[in-house]
Protein backbone atom coordinates (compact mmCIF):
# COMPACT_ATOMS: atom_id res chain seq x y z
CA UNK A 1 0.00 0.00 0.00
CA UNK A 2 1.23 3.51 -0.82
CA UNK A 3 1.80 6.04 1.94
CA UNK A 4 -1.00 8.57 2.39
CA UNK A 5 -0.98 12.09 3.78
CA UNK A 6 -4.01 12.06 6.11
CA UNK A 7 -5.52 15.08 7.86
CA UNK A 8 -7.94 14.41 10.73
CA UNK A 9 -10.44 17.10 11.72
CA UNK A 10 -12.01 16.97 15.18
CA UNK A 11 -12.60 19.72 17.76
CA UNK A 12 -10.57 17.87 20.42
CA UNK A 13 -7.70 15.41 20.51
CA UNK A 14 -5.45 13.65 23.03
CA UNK A 15 -4.99 14.24 25.94
CA UNK A 16 -8.67 15.16 25.94
CA UNK A 17 -10.42 11.93 26.98
CA UNK A 18 -13.82 12.00 25.29
CA UNK A 19 -15.14 8.94 23.48
CA UNK A 20 -14.38 10.15 19.94
CA UNK A 21 -10.93 11.31 21.02
CA UNK A 22 -10.11 7.85 22.41
CA UNK A 23 -11.19 6.32 19.10
CA UNK A 24 -9.06 8.67 17.00
CA UNK A 25 -5.97 8.17 19.14
CA UNK A 26 -6.20 4.37 18.90
CA UNK A 27 -6.75 4.40 15.13
CA UNK A 28 -4.15 6.97 14.20
CA UNK A 29 -1.32 5.96 16.50
CA UNK A 30 -1.46 2.72 14.48
CA UNK A 31 -1.84 4.33 11.06
CA UNK A 32 0.90 6.87 11.80
CA UNK A 33 3.40 4.00 11.64
CA UNK A 34 2.89 3.78 7.87
CA UNK A 35 1.23 7.07 6.86
CA UNK A 36 1.78 10.80 7.48
CA UNK A 37 -0.96 11.88 9.89
CA UNK A 38 -1.88 15.42 10.92
CA UNK A 39 -4.68 16.32 13.33
CA UNK A 40 -6.24 19.81 13.39
CA UNK A 41 -8.09 20.50 16.64
CA UNK A 42 -8.96 23.26 19.08
CA UNK A 43 -6.57 24.31 21.79
CA UNK A 44 -7.93 23.68 25.29
CA UNK A 45 -6.71 24.27 28.82
CA UNK A 46 -2.91 24.32 28.81
CA UNK A 47 -2.80 22.42 25.49
CA UNK A 48 -2.61 25.27 22.99
CA UNK A 49 0.62 24.62 21.08
CA UNK A 50 1.36 22.36 18.14
CA UNK A 51 2.82 19.05 19.29
CA UNK A 52 3.64 15.56 18.12
CA UNK A 53 1.81 12.69 19.83
CA UNK A 54 2.55 9.03 19.02
CA UNK A 55 4.01 10.04 15.66
CA UNK A 56 0.96 12.23 14.90
CA UNK A 57 1.44 15.92 14.15
CA UNK A 58 -1.16 17.90 16.13
CA UNK A 59 -2.08 21.46 15.11
CA UNK A 60 -4.00 23.22 17.90
CA UNK A 61 -5.90 26.32 16.78
CA UNK A 62 -6.67 29.30 18.96
CA UNK A 63 -10.30 28.84 19.97
CA UNK A 64 -13.24 30.43 21.74
CA UNK A 65 -15.86 28.33 23.50
CA UNK A 66 -19.60 28.81 23.79
CA UNK A 67 -22.04 26.91 25.99
CA UNK A 68 -25.12 26.17 23.88
CA UNK A 69 -28.23 24.66 25.53
CA UNK A 70 -28.82 21.09 24.35
CA UNK A 71 -25.18 20.39 23.49
CA UNK A 72 -23.25 18.12 25.88
CA UNK A 73 -19.95 19.99 25.38
CA UNK A 74 -18.89 23.61 24.88
CA UNK A 75 -18.97 24.62 21.21
CA UNK A 76 -15.48 25.64 20.00
CA UNK A 77 -14.94 28.23 17.28
CA UNK A 78 -11.47 27.58 15.87
CA UNK A 79 -9.56 30.45 14.29
CA UNK A 80 -7.71 29.80 11.02
CA UNK A 81 -9.34 26.43 10.31
CA UNK A 82 -9.59 26.85 6.55
CA UNK A 83 -6.04 28.18 6.22
CA UNK A 84 -4.76 25.21 8.25
CA UNK A 85 -6.66 22.79 6.00
CA UNK A 86 -5.15 24.36 2.89
CA UNK A 87 -1.63 24.36 4.36
CA UNK A 88 -1.70 20.65 5.25
CA UNK A 89 -2.55 19.64 1.66
CA UNK A 90 -3.44 16.04 2.52
CA UNK A 91 -4.48 13.26 0.14
CA UNK A 92 -7.56 12.63 2.26
CA UNK A 93 -9.30 14.48 5.09
CA UNK A 94 -11.19 12.72 7.84
CA UNK A 95 -13.98 14.73 9.49
CA UNK A 96 -15.36 13.36 12.76
CA UNK A 97 -17.97 15.95 13.72
CA UNK A 98 -20.61 17.11 11.26
CA UNK A 99 -21.60 19.99 13.55
CA UNK A 100 -18.45 22.10 13.19
CA UNK A 101 -17.27 22.12 9.58
CA UNK A 102 -19.05 24.14 6.91
CA UNK A 103 -18.84 25.31 3.28
CA UNK A 104 -15.48 27.07 3.40
CA UNK A 105 -13.76 24.09 5.00
CA UNK A 106 -15.31 21.63 2.55
CA UNK A 107 -14.47 23.90 -0.37
CA UNK A 108 -10.84 24.08 0.78
CA UNK A 109 -10.70 20.27 0.77
CA UNK A 110 -12.32 20.12 -2.67
CA UNK A 111 -10.05 22.81 -4.12
CA UNK A 112 -7.04 20.79 -2.97
CA UNK A 113 -8.35 17.84 -4.99
CA UNK A 114 -8.43 15.74 -1.83
CA UNK A 115 -10.78 12.99 -0.73
CA UNK A 116 -13.14 13.27 2.22
CA UNK A 117 -14.07 10.57 4.74
CA UNK A 118 -16.80 11.39 7.25
CA UNK A 119 -17.30 9.27 10.35
CA UNK A 120 -20.68 9.53 12.06
CA UNK A 121 -19.90 9.11 15.76
CA UNK A 122 -23.38 10.34 16.66
CA UNK A 123 -26.67 9.42 15.05
CA UNK A 124 -29.73 11.58 14.58
CA UNK A 125 -31.14 11.95 18.13
CA UNK A 126 -34.30 9.95 18.73
CA UNK A 127 -36.14 9.49 22.02
CA UNK A 128 -34.37 12.07 24.19
CA UNK A 129 -36.95 14.89 24.30
CA UNK A 130 -38.97 16.79 21.64
CA UNK A 131 -36.63 19.80 21.65
CA UNK A 132 -33.44 17.76 21.18
CA UNK A 133 -34.99 15.34 18.69
CA UNK A 134 -36.44 18.13 16.52
CA UNK A 135 -33.29 20.25 16.78
CA UNK A 136 -31.13 17.34 15.58
CA UNK A 137 -33.43 16.64 12.65
CA UNK A 138 -33.58 20.33 11.68
CA UNK A 139 -29.79 20.56 11.71
CA UNK A 140 -29.31 17.49 9.54
CA UNK A 141 -31.91 18.72 7.04
CA UNK A 142 -30.23 22.14 6.86
CA UNK A 143 -26.59 21.02 6.81
CA UNK A 144 -25.75 17.55 8.12
CA UNK A 145 -27.05 15.78 5.02
CA UNK A 146 -25.10 18.16 2.80
CA UNK A 147 -21.78 17.24 4.40
CA UNK A 148 -22.78 13.56 4.02
CA UNK A 149 -23.51 14.18 0.34
CA UNK A 150 -20.12 15.84 -0.20
CA UNK A 151 -18.16 13.07 1.53
CA UNK A 152 -16.55 10.47 -0.72
CA UNK A 153 -17.01 7.80 1.93
CA UNK A 154 -19.16 7.51 5.07
CA UNK A 155 -18.49 5.42 8.17
CA UNK A 156 -21.06 4.75 10.86
CA UNK A 157 -19.88 3.34 14.18
CA UNK A 158 -22.91 1.02 14.25
CA UNK A 159 -25.50 -0.07 11.72
CA UNK A 160 -28.08 1.83 13.74
CA UNK A 161 -26.18 5.09 13.19
CA UNK A 162 -26.35 4.64 9.42
CA UNK A 163 -29.99 3.53 9.34
CA UNK A 164 -31.16 6.43 11.52
CA UNK A 165 -28.95 9.17 10.07
CA UNK A 166 -27.90 8.54 6.46
CA UNK A 167 -30.50 9.15 3.71
CA UNK A 168 -31.24 6.08 1.57
CA UNK A 169 -29.74 7.64 -1.54
CA UNK A 170 -26.34 8.03 0.19
CA UNK A 171 -26.06 4.64 1.88
CA UNK A 172 -24.27 3.07 -1.09
CA UNK A 173 -21.08 4.86 0.01
CA UNK A 174 -21.41 3.98 3.71
CA UNK A 175 -20.04 1.17 5.85
CA UNK A 176 -20.01 0.14 9.51
CA UNK A 177 -16.76 0.16 11.47
CA UNK A 178 -17.21 -0.51 15.16
CA UNK A 179 -15.23 1.25 17.84
CA UNK A 180 -12.68 -0.82 19.72
CA UNK A 181 -11.46 -1.29 23.26
CA UNK A 182 -8.01 -1.73 24.78
CA UNK A 183 -8.11 -5.42 25.71
CA UNK A 184 -5.01 -5.24 27.88
CA UNK A 185 -6.13 -2.30 30.02
CA UNK A 186 -9.75 -3.35 30.28
CA UNK A 187 -9.76 -6.95 31.49
CA UNK A 188 -10.73 -8.96 34.51
CA UNK A 189 -8.34 -8.32 37.41
CA UNK A 190 -8.89 -10.98 40.08
CA UNK A 191 -7.71 -10.08 43.60
CA UNK A 192 -6.02 -6.86 42.50
CA UNK A 193 -5.02 -4.74 45.48
CA UNK A 194 -6.20 -1.52 43.80
CA UNK A 195 -9.62 -3.03 43.16
CA UNK A 196 -9.89 -4.15 46.77
CA UNK A 197 -8.96 -0.66 47.97
CA UNK A 198 -11.67 0.93 45.82
CA UNK A 199 -14.31 -1.51 47.08
CA UNK A 200 -13.23 -0.90 50.65
CA UNK A 201 -13.32 2.89 50.19
CA UNK A 202 -16.78 2.77 48.60
CA UNK A 203 -18.06 0.53 51.37
CA UNK A 204 -20.81 -1.27 49.50
CA UNK A 205 -21.45 -5.01 49.58
CA UNK A 206 -22.85 -4.75 46.05
CA UNK A 207 -21.60 -1.97 43.81
CA UNK A 208 -23.52 -0.72 40.79
CA UNK A 209 -21.50 1.36 38.35
CA UNK A 210 -22.37 3.87 35.65
CA UNK A 211 -19.71 5.66 33.59
CA UNK A 212 -21.14 8.39 31.38
CA UNK A 213 -21.45 12.12 30.91
CA UNK A 214 -24.15 13.60 33.14
CA UNK A 215 -26.78 14.50 30.55
CA UNK A 216 -30.44 13.59 30.11
CA UNK A 217 -29.48 11.30 27.21
CA UNK A 218 -27.67 8.92 29.59
CA UNK A 219 -30.75 8.24 31.73
CA UNK A 220 -29.01 8.37 35.12
CA UNK A 221 -32.08 9.87 36.78
CA UNK A 222 -34.01 6.66 35.98
CA UNK A 223 -31.09 4.62 37.29
CA UNK A 224 -31.30 6.49 40.59
CA UNK A 225 -35.00 5.77 40.85
CA UNK A 226 -34.37 2.11 40.08
CA UNK A 227 -31.64 2.06 42.72
CA UNK A 228 -34.04 3.36 45.37
CA UNK A 229 -36.13 0.25 44.69
CA UNK A 230 -33.10 -2.06 44.68
CA UNK A 231 -32.13 -0.84 48.15
CA UNK A 232 -35.27 -2.42 49.62
CA UNK A 233 -33.73 -5.85 49.02
CA UNK A 234 -30.05 -4.86 48.92
CA UNK A 235 -29.70 -2.40 51.78
CA UNK A 236 -25.92 -2.27 51.62
CA UNK A 237 -25.73 -1.73 47.87
CA UNK A 238 -23.98 1.35 46.52
CA UNK A 239 -24.45 3.29 43.29
CA UNK A 240 -21.33 4.84 41.79
CA UNK A 241 -21.65 7.30 38.89
CA UNK A 242 -18.41 8.40 37.24
CA UNK A 243 -18.76 11.43 34.99
CA UNK A 244 -19.32 15.15 34.74
CA UNK A 245 -21.85 17.31 32.94
CA UNK A 246 -24.72 19.77 33.19
CA UNK A 247 -27.08 17.36 35.00
CA UNK A 248 -24.87 16.98 38.07
CA UNK A 249 -26.81 19.20 40.43
CA UNK A 250 -30.17 17.79 39.35
CA UNK A 251 -28.95 14.23 39.97
CA UNK A 252 -27.70 15.14 43.44
CA UNK A 253 -31.07 16.72 44.24
CA UNK A 254 -32.86 13.61 42.97
CA UNK A 255 -30.74 11.38 45.21
CA UNK A 256 -31.64 13.59 48.15
CA UNK A 257 -35.34 13.55 47.24
CA UNK A 258 -35.29 9.74 47.08
CA UNK A 259 -33.46 9.52 50.40
CA UNK A 260 -30.52 7.60 48.91
CA UNK A 261 -27.83 10.28 48.91
CA UNK A 262 -25.79 8.42 51.55
CA UNK A 263 -25.60 5.38 49.22
CA UNK A 264 -24.73 7.26 46.01
CA UNK A 265 -21.24 8.37 45.00
CA UNK A 266 -20.93 10.84 42.13
CA UNK A 267 -17.28 10.96 41.10
CA UNK A 268 -15.60 13.21 38.57
CA UNK A 269 -11.99 13.81 37.70
CA UNK A 270 -11.11 10.12 38.02
CA UNK A 271 -7.70 9.47 36.48
CA UNK A 272 -8.15 7.63 33.19
CA UNK A 273 -5.53 5.12 34.35
CA UNK A 274 -7.75 4.16 37.30
CA UNK A 275 -10.89 3.45 35.28
CA UNK A 276 -10.11 -0.26 34.72
CA UNK A 277 -9.96 -0.78 38.49
CA UNK A 278 -13.33 0.92 39.02
CA UNK A 279 -14.91 -1.37 36.43
CA UNK A 280 -13.42 -4.35 38.27
CA UNK A 281 -14.81 -3.11 41.57
CA UNK A 282 -18.38 -3.27 40.23
CA UNK A 283 -20.86 -6.13 40.58
CA UNK A 284 -23.06 -4.70 37.82
CA UNK A 285 -22.49 -2.03 35.17
CA UNK A 286 -25.65 -0.12 34.19
CA UNK A 287 -26.15 1.99 31.05
CA UNK A 288 -29.78 3.21 31.05
CA UNK A 289 -29.40 5.50 28.01
CA UNK A 290 -32.39 7.01 26.20
CA UNK A 291 -30.31 7.27 23.03
CA UNK A 292 -26.94 5.66 22.36
CA UNK A 293 -25.30 5.40 18.94
CA UNK A 294 -22.44 3.50 20.59
CA UNK A 295 -20.82 3.62 24.01
CA UNK A 296 -17.12 3.34 24.80
CA UNK A 297 -18.00 2.70 28.45
CA UNK A 298 -20.13 -0.28 27.43
CA UNK A 299 -17.21 -1.80 25.52
CA UNK A 300 -14.89 -1.17 28.47
CA UNK A 301 -17.30 -2.83 30.91
CA UNK A 302 -17.79 -5.88 28.68
CA UNK A 303 -14.03 -6.23 28.11
CA UNK A 304 -13.58 -6.07 31.90
CA UNK A 305 -16.10 -8.91 32.31
CA UNK A 306 -18.55 -6.84 34.35
CA UNK A 307 -22.16 -8.14 34.25
CA UNK A 308 -24.07 -5.48 32.34
CA UNK A 309 -27.58 -4.05 32.10
CA UNK A 310 -28.16 -1.65 29.20
CA UNK A 311 -31.05 -0.04 27.36
CA UNK A 312 -32.21 -1.70 24.19
CA UNK A 313 -31.72 1.41 22.08
CA UNK A 314 -29.55 2.57 19.18
CA UNK A 315 -26.37 0.61 18.62
CA UNK A 316 -26.30 -1.12 22.02
CA UNK A 317 -27.80 -4.43 20.79
CA UNK A 318 -25.18 -4.59 18.01
CA UNK A 319 -22.40 -4.15 20.56
CA UNK A 320 -23.67 -6.25 23.46
CA UNK A 321 -25.69 -8.90 21.61
CA UNK A 322 -26.74 -11.55 24.17
CA UNK A 323 -23.88 -10.83 26.55
CA UNK A 324 -25.93 -8.75 28.97
CA UNK A 325 -29.44 -7.97 30.17
CA UNK A 326 -31.58 -5.39 28.39
CA UNK A 327 -33.82 -2.77 29.99
CA UNK A 328 -36.33 -0.35 28.55
CA UNK A 329 -35.42 3.35 28.35
CA UNK A 330 -37.11 5.66 30.90
CA UNK A 331 -38.47 2.59 32.73
CA UNK A 332 -37.14 2.39 36.30
CA UNK A 333 -38.89 -0.93 36.95
CA UNK A 334 -37.24 -2.50 33.91
CA UNK A 335 -33.82 -1.19 34.98
CA UNK A 336 -34.38 -2.41 38.54
CA UNK A 337 -35.47 -5.88 37.39
CA UNK A 338 -32.45 -6.22 35.14
CA UNK A 339 -29.99 -5.27 37.88
CA UNK A 340 -31.68 -7.50 40.47
CA UNK A 341 -31.61 -10.40 38.01
CA UNK A 342 -27.82 -10.19 37.73
CA UNK A 343 -27.33 -9.61 41.46
CA UNK A 344 -29.45 -12.65 42.35
CA UNK A 345 -28.01 -15.05 39.74
CA UNK A 346 -24.24 -15.02 40.05
CA UNK A 347 -23.91 -17.96 37.65
CA UNK A 348 -25.84 -16.24 34.85
CA UNK A 349 -23.98 -12.98 35.52
CA UNK A 350 -20.57 -14.67 35.28
CA UNK A 351 -21.55 -16.58 32.12
CA UNK A 352 -22.73 -13.45 30.31
CA UNK A 353 -19.68 -11.49 31.48
CA UNK A 354 -17.25 -14.11 30.14
CA UNK A 355 -19.16 -14.21 26.85
CA UNK A 356 -18.91 -10.42 26.65
CA UNK A 357 -15.15 -10.56 26.90
CA UNK A 358 -14.95 -13.08 24.05
CA UNK A 359 -17.21 -10.85 21.92
CA UNK A 360 -14.95 -7.83 22.52
CA UNK A 361 -11.88 -9.82 21.47
CA UNK A 362 -13.61 -10.96 18.29
CA UNK A 363 -15.26 -7.74 17.08
CA UNK A 364 -13.61 -4.78 18.83
CA UNK A 365 -9.87 -5.24 18.39
CA UNK A 366 -8.16 -1.93 17.60
CA UNK A 367 -5.68 -3.40 15.10
CA UNK A 368 -8.52 -4.77 12.96
CA UNK A 369 -10.45 -1.50 13.25
CA UNK A 370 -7.43 0.60 12.22
CA UNK A 371 -6.99 -1.61 9.15
CA UNK A 372 -10.67 -1.13 8.25
CA UNK A 373 -10.23 2.66 8.50
CA UNK A 374 -7.12 2.46 6.34
CA UNK A 375 -9.17 0.80 3.59
CA UNK A 376 -11.90 3.42 3.94
CA UNK A 377 -9.34 6.24 3.68
CA UNK A 378 -7.83 4.71 0.53
CA UNK A 379 -11.32 4.41 -0.93
CA UNK A 380 -12.14 8.05 -0.14
CA UNK A 381 -8.85 9.33 -1.56
CA UNK A 382 -9.32 7.82 -5.04
């Protein structure tokens, strides 16, 4: 295969630890071994200068941030984006966020005679609330579908993403490439001292874990209500939610209203290196999302062999298959029943957890996924 000059466009990049950013780092630290890779992203925090990470050239643009209601993250406006795109002069550009790149950027790519690959990391929102659902549809009608039309190749991270988001007339140029998971970091760790310390510090006989941004989409408020019911039979259970986001205060108030605040830990700022040990401390991982194109946390939990309850929405069934228990979105009784099923049947829980690990090894290996992206990039560049 010939060497490509690849330019990746995403508002954030390593060491920012969002889901998309984890995906891009894993793919491109592999592809950078045989291709020239440049990432253009926004500067954030103390990371404002151009750097090289894992053989990847990273251009960080001066940026301003705006908090927009309905968006889970601040909206960055990056200065000099189009000039940076022109200066890189890549064979193929890889856009990973259809909400931030518009006509001038796409025209700069076209004028350079370069190919364009678009990965859909998020699907059209469905089932969150009327405002969010309608806003997402309006955006895609006004612009999202245009950037899909202009792309030479489309990737959806699950089949559900493509079916919900990509118009029928454009699906001929689309394909599914799953996200992966680091099998060495996220694995079962029997009798690990760090796991034992976490369990001891949390103090619960049975620990339920959720790892997700604190937004309405993730359904944590229904998980809390389910947990209040679970405590009637499991009085020493503990709910641990790892994440940050705009719903934090509301969730704390809900825990107080339900009278469970002493049994709920809401943790943020957990070192990424410690996450595998938190997964291993859990008896059940719960993902009660209302909408979920794909979840990195779900893959991490399954790779860690944690018995899992997740909503039957979006791409979750493609990722979990029959390796966990499904619940209904916005249904606290369904969530409660699923969790209690795994807590009460250790044999079933262990069987599903082991099966989940085997599924991750088969379908979510980063080396295979990077190779699939390499083929898609070649296809887009021709």
